Amino acid sequence: MTTCAFRPVYVLFVVTLGSSLSLGQETRRATTIGTGSGPPAPSDNDRSALPPTKPGAGKRLATSREDRERFANLLKLPGAGIIKLLKNSCENATSAYVTSADPACNEVVGGGGQISFRTRGYSIAPLADLKIREGYFIAGGQYTQGAMVDLGEMAVDKVTAAVPGVDLIAQYEPPTTLSQVRQETAALNEGRQWKGLVIGATAPISPGHTYALRSMAYKVDALKADDKRADILVVFNVIRLDDNGDVTLVWRELQRKDAPHIDLTK
């Protein structure tokens, strides 16, 4: 992991971080935008194979009453939520409901292992903003770039866009060409240090820790219309990590912008 001098205009990775190095492990590598190491974007003919991603689609896993009561005031705020993510997701599922020994694969969109903060619900992996894999959070997906920072044991309701680290990803300007996006994604996959913080596409799952995530879902015609493409900044806290690896999160949305555009020819 490399220490980086960031530009004062908050261009996080372009040019300065032109490395194409990755973390080298599949479970700790975010999905590359477009072609390359990530899965290909779905064509028009593939759309029927993707499950619904609207809020409430499929079953929602129950969270504990204790957790809901502890964060009752937070959950009353606009853009706040609570969700349980399962370690054992259905990574090979091609529809919302598949036959599997794990009942969640048949009842929860994507097997319950990933979330779309943009739609406030479960998602299949390619359209998710955040996934859990082998003890790590992974940001990013198909035509979605994610920048994440672990803020430590900071109260999630105290985090603003002005907090160090959050301010950096909040003011980041998304690249607009495919070549720039690939360059940025490679740098995020590697992770960069900044003033004692690590900004990247992956982070270890740590109970009690709060994370900030900027998820930039580019608008692309080939993707499903009911996948709400947007540029969002959220903060989330790991309020429970079960012995089996399941994770319960509470989150708040700090900002939402229109989906960025990308020139796929450059």
Protein backbone atom coordinates (compact mmCIF):
# COMPACT_ATOMS: atom_id res chain seq x y z
CA MET A 1 0.00 0.00 0.00
CA THR A 2 1.46 3.31 -1.10
CA THR A 3 1.43 6.72 0.52
CA CYS A 4 0.09 9.34 -1.83
CA ALA A 5 0.29 13.10 -2.02
CA PHE A 6 -3.20 14.19 -3.02
CA ARG A 7 -3.82 17.21 -5.17
CA PRO A 8 -5.54 20.11 -3.35
CA VAL A 9 -8.34 20.13 -5.92
CA TYR A 10 -9.27 16.67 -4.70
CA VAL A 11 -8.56 14.74 -7.87
CA LEU A 12 -7.84 11.59 -5.94
CA PHE A 13 -6.18 9.21 -8.33
CA VAL A 14 -6.01 10.48 -11.92
CA VAL A 15 -2.47 10.72 -13.35
CA THR A 16 -0.82 10.76 -9.91
CA LEU A 17 -1.77 7.15 -9.26
CA GLY A 18 -1.42 5.54 -12.64
CA SER A 19 -0.51 2.14 -11.23
CA SER A 20 -2.52 -0.86 -12.36
CA LEU A 21 -1.61 -2.94 -9.32
CA SER A 22 -4.40 -4.75 -7.48
CA LEU A 23 -4.65 -6.45 -4.11
CA GLY A 24 -4.01 -9.74 -5.86
CA GLN A 25 -6.83 -11.70 -4.23
CA GLU A 26 -10.18 -12.21 -5.89
CA THR A 27 -12.07 -11.83 -2.62
CA ARG A 28 -10.46 -8.44 -1.99
CA ARG A 29 -10.70 -6.94 -5.46
CA ALA A 30 -13.49 -4.62 -6.51
CA THR A 31 -15.19 -5.12 -9.84
CA THR A 32 -13.51 -3.24 -12.67
CA ILE A 33 -15.72 -0.88 -14.61
CA GLY A 34 -16.44 -1.93 -18.19
CA THR A 35 -14.38 -4.70 -19.70
CA GLY A 36 -11.28 -6.19 -18.11
CA SER A 37 -11.13 -8.20 -14.88
CA GLY A 38 -14.72 -7.44 -13.94
CA PRO A 39 -17.80 -9.13 -15.39
CA PRO A 40 -19.05 -7.82 -18.72
CA ALA A 41 -21.89 -5.36 -18.81
CA PRO A 42 -25.24 -7.01 -19.59
CA SER A 43 -26.56 -6.66 -23.11
CA ASP A 44 -30.19 -5.94 -23.94
CA ASN A 45 -30.79 -9.67 -24.24
CA ASP A 46 -29.42 -10.23 -20.74
CA ARG A 47 -31.78 -7.86 -18.95
CA SER A 48 -34.45 -10.48 -18.31
CA ALA A 49 -31.91 -12.59 -16.43
CA LEU A 50 -31.27 -9.89 -13.81
CA PRO A 51 -33.44 -9.92 -10.68
CA PRO A 52 -35.48 -6.94 -9.53
CA THR A 53 -33.49 -4.37 -7.57
CA LYS A 54 -36.26 -2.07 -6.38
CA PRO A 55 -36.58 -1.48 -2.62
CA GLY A 56 -38.43 -4.33 -0.97
CA ALA A 57 -37.96 -6.79 -3.82
CA GLY A 58 -37.78 -10.27 -2.34
CA LYS A 59 -37.59 -11.08 1.36
CA ARG A 60 -35.84 -8.77 3.82
CA LEU A 61 -33.84 -10.45 6.56
CA ALA A 62 -34.88 -9.67 10.12
CA THR A 63 -32.61 -7.56 12.31
CA SER A 64 -32.64 -7.81 16.09
CA ARG A 65 -35.08 -5.76 18.15
CA GLU A 66 -32.17 -4.72 20.37
CA ASP A 67 -30.36 -3.19 17.40
CA ARG A 68 -33.45 -1.41 16.12
CA GLU A 69 -34.19 0.06 19.54
CA ARG A 70 -30.59 1.14 20.11
CA PHE A 71 -30.56 3.11 16.86
CA ALA A 72 -34.22 4.17 16.88
CA ASN A 73 -33.42 7.90 16.75
CA LEU A 74 -30.97 7.46 13.89
CA LEU A 75 -33.45 5.37 11.93
CA LYS A 76 -36.00 8.19 12.10
CA LEU A 77 -33.70 10.42 10.04
CA PRO A 78 -34.23 10.76 6.27
CA GLY A 79 -31.94 8.48 4.30
CA ALA A 80 -31.18 6.19 7.25
CA GLY A 81 -31.63 2.42 7.39
CA ILE A 82 -30.64 -0.88 8.93
CA ILE A 83 -29.88 -4.13 7.11
CA LYS A 84 -28.44 -7.57 7.73
CA LEU A 85 -25.97 -8.95 5.17
CA LEU A 86 -25.20 -12.65 4.90
CA LYS A 87 -21.69 -13.99 4.51
CA ASN A 88 -22.83 -16.90 2.32
CA SER A 89 -24.16 -15.14 -0.75
CA CYS A 90 -25.34 -16.81 -3.95
CA GLU A 91 -22.55 -15.54 -6.16
CA ASN A 92 -23.48 -17.75 -9.12
CA ALA A 93 -27.17 -16.92 -9.09
CA THR A 94 -28.58 -15.74 -12.42
CA SER A 95 -32.00 -14.82 -11.10
CA ALA A 96 -33.47 -13.41 -7.92
CA TYR A 97 -34.50 -16.82 -6.65
CA VAL A 98 -32.41 -19.94 -7.23
CA THR A 99 -32.35 -23.45 -5.85
CA SER A 100 -29.76 -23.73 -3.09
CA ALA A 101 -29.19 -25.44 0.23
CA ASP A 102 -29.12 -22.00 1.85
CA PRO A 103 -32.75 -20.80 2.15
CA ALA A 104 -31.63 -17.18 1.76
CA CYS A 105 -30.64 -17.90 -1.83
CA ASN A 106 -34.26 -18.69 -2.60
CA GLU A 107 -35.80 -15.80 -0.67
CA VAL A 108 -33.45 -12.80 -0.73
CA VAL A 109 -32.29 -10.93 -3.83
CA GLY A 110 -28.67 -11.84 -4.50
CA GLY A 111 -28.55 -14.17 -1.50
CA GLY A 112 -28.39 -11.29 0.97
CA GLY A 113 -24.67 -10.67 0.63
CA GLN A 114 -24.74 -7.21 -0.91
CA ILE A 115 -26.65 -3.94 -0.71
CA SER A 116 -27.59 -1.13 -3.06
CA PHE A 117 -27.74 2.03 -0.97
CA ARG A 118 -29.17 3.73 -4.04
CA THR A 119 -32.29 1.55 -3.93
CA ARG A 120 -32.13 0.96 -0.16
CA GLY A 121 -32.29 -2.81 -0.46
CA TYR A 122 -30.56 -6.06 -1.40
CA SER A 123 -28.97 -6.38 -4.81
CA ILE A 124 -27.20 -8.84 -7.04
CA ALA A 125 -23.42 -8.37 -6.94
CA PRO A 126 -22.93 -6.57 -10.30
CA LEU A 127 -25.41 -3.82 -9.36
CA ALA A 128 -24.49 -3.51 -5.67
CA ASP A 129 -22.78 -0.58 -3.97
CA LEU A 130 -21.30 -2.77 -1.23
CA LYS A 131 -20.59 -6.49 -0.82
CA ILE A 132 -19.21 -8.63 2.00
CA ARG A 133 -16.65 -11.28 1.07
CA GLU A 134 -14.28 -13.24 3.32
CA GLY A 135 -14.20 -10.67 6.11
CA TYR A 136 -13.96 -7.65 3.81
CA PHE A 137 -16.24 -4.95 2.49
CA ILE A 138 -15.93 -4.49 -1.27
CA ALA A 139 -17.22 -1.39 -3.03
CA GLY A 140 -17.94 -0.95 -6.72
CA GLY A 141 -19.69 -2.95 -9.41
CA GLN A 142 -20.62 -2.86 -13.07
CA TYR A 143 -20.11 0.72 -14.22
CA THR A 144 -19.98 1.71 -10.55
CA GLN A 145 -16.87 3.09 -8.89
CA GLY A 146 -16.57 2.98 -5.11
CA ALA A 147 -14.20 4.86 -2.79
CA MET A 148 -14.33 3.87 0.87
CA VAL A 149 -12.58 4.94 4.08
CA ASP A 150 -12.60 3.33 7.55
CA LEU A 151 -13.21 6.09 10.13
CA GLY A 152 -12.69 3.87 13.16
CA GLU A 153 -15.06 3.94 16.14
CA MET A 154 -16.77 7.20 15.24
CA ALA A 155 -20.48 7.55 15.96
CA VAL A 156 -22.30 7.24 12.66
CA ASP A 157 -24.67 10.09 13.54
CA LYS A 158 -21.72 12.44 14.09
CA VAL A 159 -20.18 11.99 10.64
CA THR A 160 -20.55 14.82 8.16
CA ALA A 161 -19.06 15.48 4.75
CA ALA A 162 -16.50 17.74 6.48
CA VAL A 163 -14.89 14.94 8.53
CA PRO A 164 -11.28 14.26 7.43
CA GLY A 165 -11.28 11.48 4.85
CA VAL A 166 -14.97 11.92 4.15
CA ASP A 167 -14.29 15.40 2.80
CA LEU A 168 -11.77 13.96 0.36
CA ILE A 169 -14.11 11.42 -1.19
CA ALA A 170 -17.04 13.86 -1.01
CA GLN A 171 -15.24 16.43 -3.19
CA TYR A 172 -13.80 13.90 -5.61
CA GLU A 173 -14.73 14.55 -9.25
CA PRO A 174 -15.60 11.28 -11.06
CA PRO A 175 -13.62 10.68 -14.27
CA THR A 176 -15.61 10.85 -17.46
CA THR A 177 -13.73 8.57 -19.87
CA LEU A 178 -13.39 4.80 -19.74
CA SER A 179 -9.59 4.94 -19.71
CA GLN A 180 -9.58 7.32 -16.74
CA VAL A 181 -12.12 5.23 -14.87
CA ARG A 182 -10.03 2.08 -15.34
CA GLN A 183 -6.97 3.94 -14.07
CA GLU A 184 -8.86 5.21 -11.04
CA THR A 185 -10.34 1.78 -10.34
CA ALA A 186 -6.90 0.17 -10.35
CA ALA A 187 -5.68 2.74 -7.82
CA LEU A 188 -8.73 2.22 -5.62
CA ASN A 189 -8.25 -1.55 -5.77
CA GLU A 190 -4.70 -1.09 -4.50
CA GLY A 191 -5.67 1.38 -1.79
CA ARG A 192 -3.90 4.61 -0.86
CA GLN A 193 -2.88 6.13 2.47
CA TRP A 194 -3.77 9.71 3.29
CA LYS A 195 -3.13 11.32 6.69
CA GLY A 196 -3.29 7.99 8.49
CA LEU A 197 -6.40 6.83 6.64
CA VAL A 198 -6.65 4.28 3.84
CA ILE A 199 -8.88 5.15 0.90
CA GLY A 200 -9.75 2.30 -1.41
CA ALA A 201 -12.34 -0.10 -2.75
CA THR A 202 -11.95 -2.65 0.08
CA ALA A 203 -11.76 -2.52 3.87
CA PRO A 204 -11.69 -5.16 6.63
CA ILE A 205 -15.01 -5.65 8.42
CA SER A 206 -14.44 -4.37 11.97
CA PRO A 207 -17.23 -4.43 14.60
CA GLY A 208 -18.06 -0.96 15.88
CA HIS A 209 -16.29 0.82 13.04
CA THR A 210 -17.90 3.46 10.87
CA TYR A 211 -17.10 3.71 7.16
CA ALA A 212 -17.77 6.35 4.53
CA LEU A 213 -18.51 5.25 0.98
CA ARG A 214 -18.79 7.28 -2.19
CA SER A 215 -20.53 5.10 -4.77
CA MET A 216 -20.65 6.55 -8.28
CA ALA A 217 -23.00 4.54 -10.49
CA TYR A 218 -22.51 5.72 -14.06
CA LYS A 219 -25.57 6.00 -16.26
CA VAL A 220 -25.35 3.30 -18.95
CA ASP A 221 -28.24 2.36 -21.23
CA ALA A 222 -27.45 -1.38 -21.10
CA LEU A 223 -28.26 -1.62 -17.39
CA LYS A 224 -31.74 -2.25 -16.00
CA ALA A 225 -34.02 0.74 -15.79
CA ASP A 226 -35.09 -0.13 -12.23
CA ASP A 227 -31.50 0.06 -10.98
CA LYS A 228 -31.42 3.64 -9.77
CA ARG A 229 -28.17 5.07 -11.11
CA ALA A 230 -26.84 7.87 -8.90
CA ASP A 231 -23.76 9.29 -7.21
CA ILE A 232 -24.16 8.90 -3.45
CA LEU A 233 -22.17 9.42 -0.27
CA VAL A 234 -23.16 7.24 2.68
CA VAL A 235 -21.77 6.42 6.11
CA PHE A 236 -22.42 3.05 7.72
CA ASN A 237 -21.54 1.36 10.99
CA VAL A 238 -20.99 -2.32 11.78
CA ILE A 239 -23.32 -2.72 14.74
CA ARG A 240 -23.18 -6.51 14.78
CA LEU A 241 -20.80 -9.17 13.43
CA ASP A 242 -22.14 -12.65 14.09
CA ASP A 243 -19.93 -15.66 14.68
CA ASN A 244 -20.95 -17.05 11.28
CA GLY A 245 -19.78 -13.89 9.49
CA ASP A 246 -23.17 -12.24 8.97
CA VAL A 247 -23.05 -8.45 9.37
CA THR A 248 -25.67 -5.94 10.51
CA LEU A 249 -25.24 -2.33 9.39
CA VAL A 250 -26.92 0.98 10.10
CA TRP A 251 -26.37 3.73 7.57
CA ARG A 252 -27.11 7.34 6.67
CA GLU A 253 -27.08 8.95 3.27
CA LEU A 254 -25.13 12.23 3.35
CA GLN A 255 -25.52 13.35 -0.25
CA ARG A 256 -26.97 12.23 -3.56
CA LYS A 257 -26.19 13.59 -7.00
CA ASP A 258 -27.28 12.72 -10.51
CA ALA A 259 -25.51 9.75 -12.07
CA PRO A 260 -22.23 10.71 -13.73
CA HIS A 261 -21.79 10.12 -17.45
CA ILE A 262 -18.98 8.21 -19.09
CA ASP A 263 -17.59 8.26 -22.62
CA LEU A 264 -17.05 4.58 -23.46
CA THR A 265 -15.14 5.44 -26.64
CA LYS A 266 -12.17 7.09 -24.88
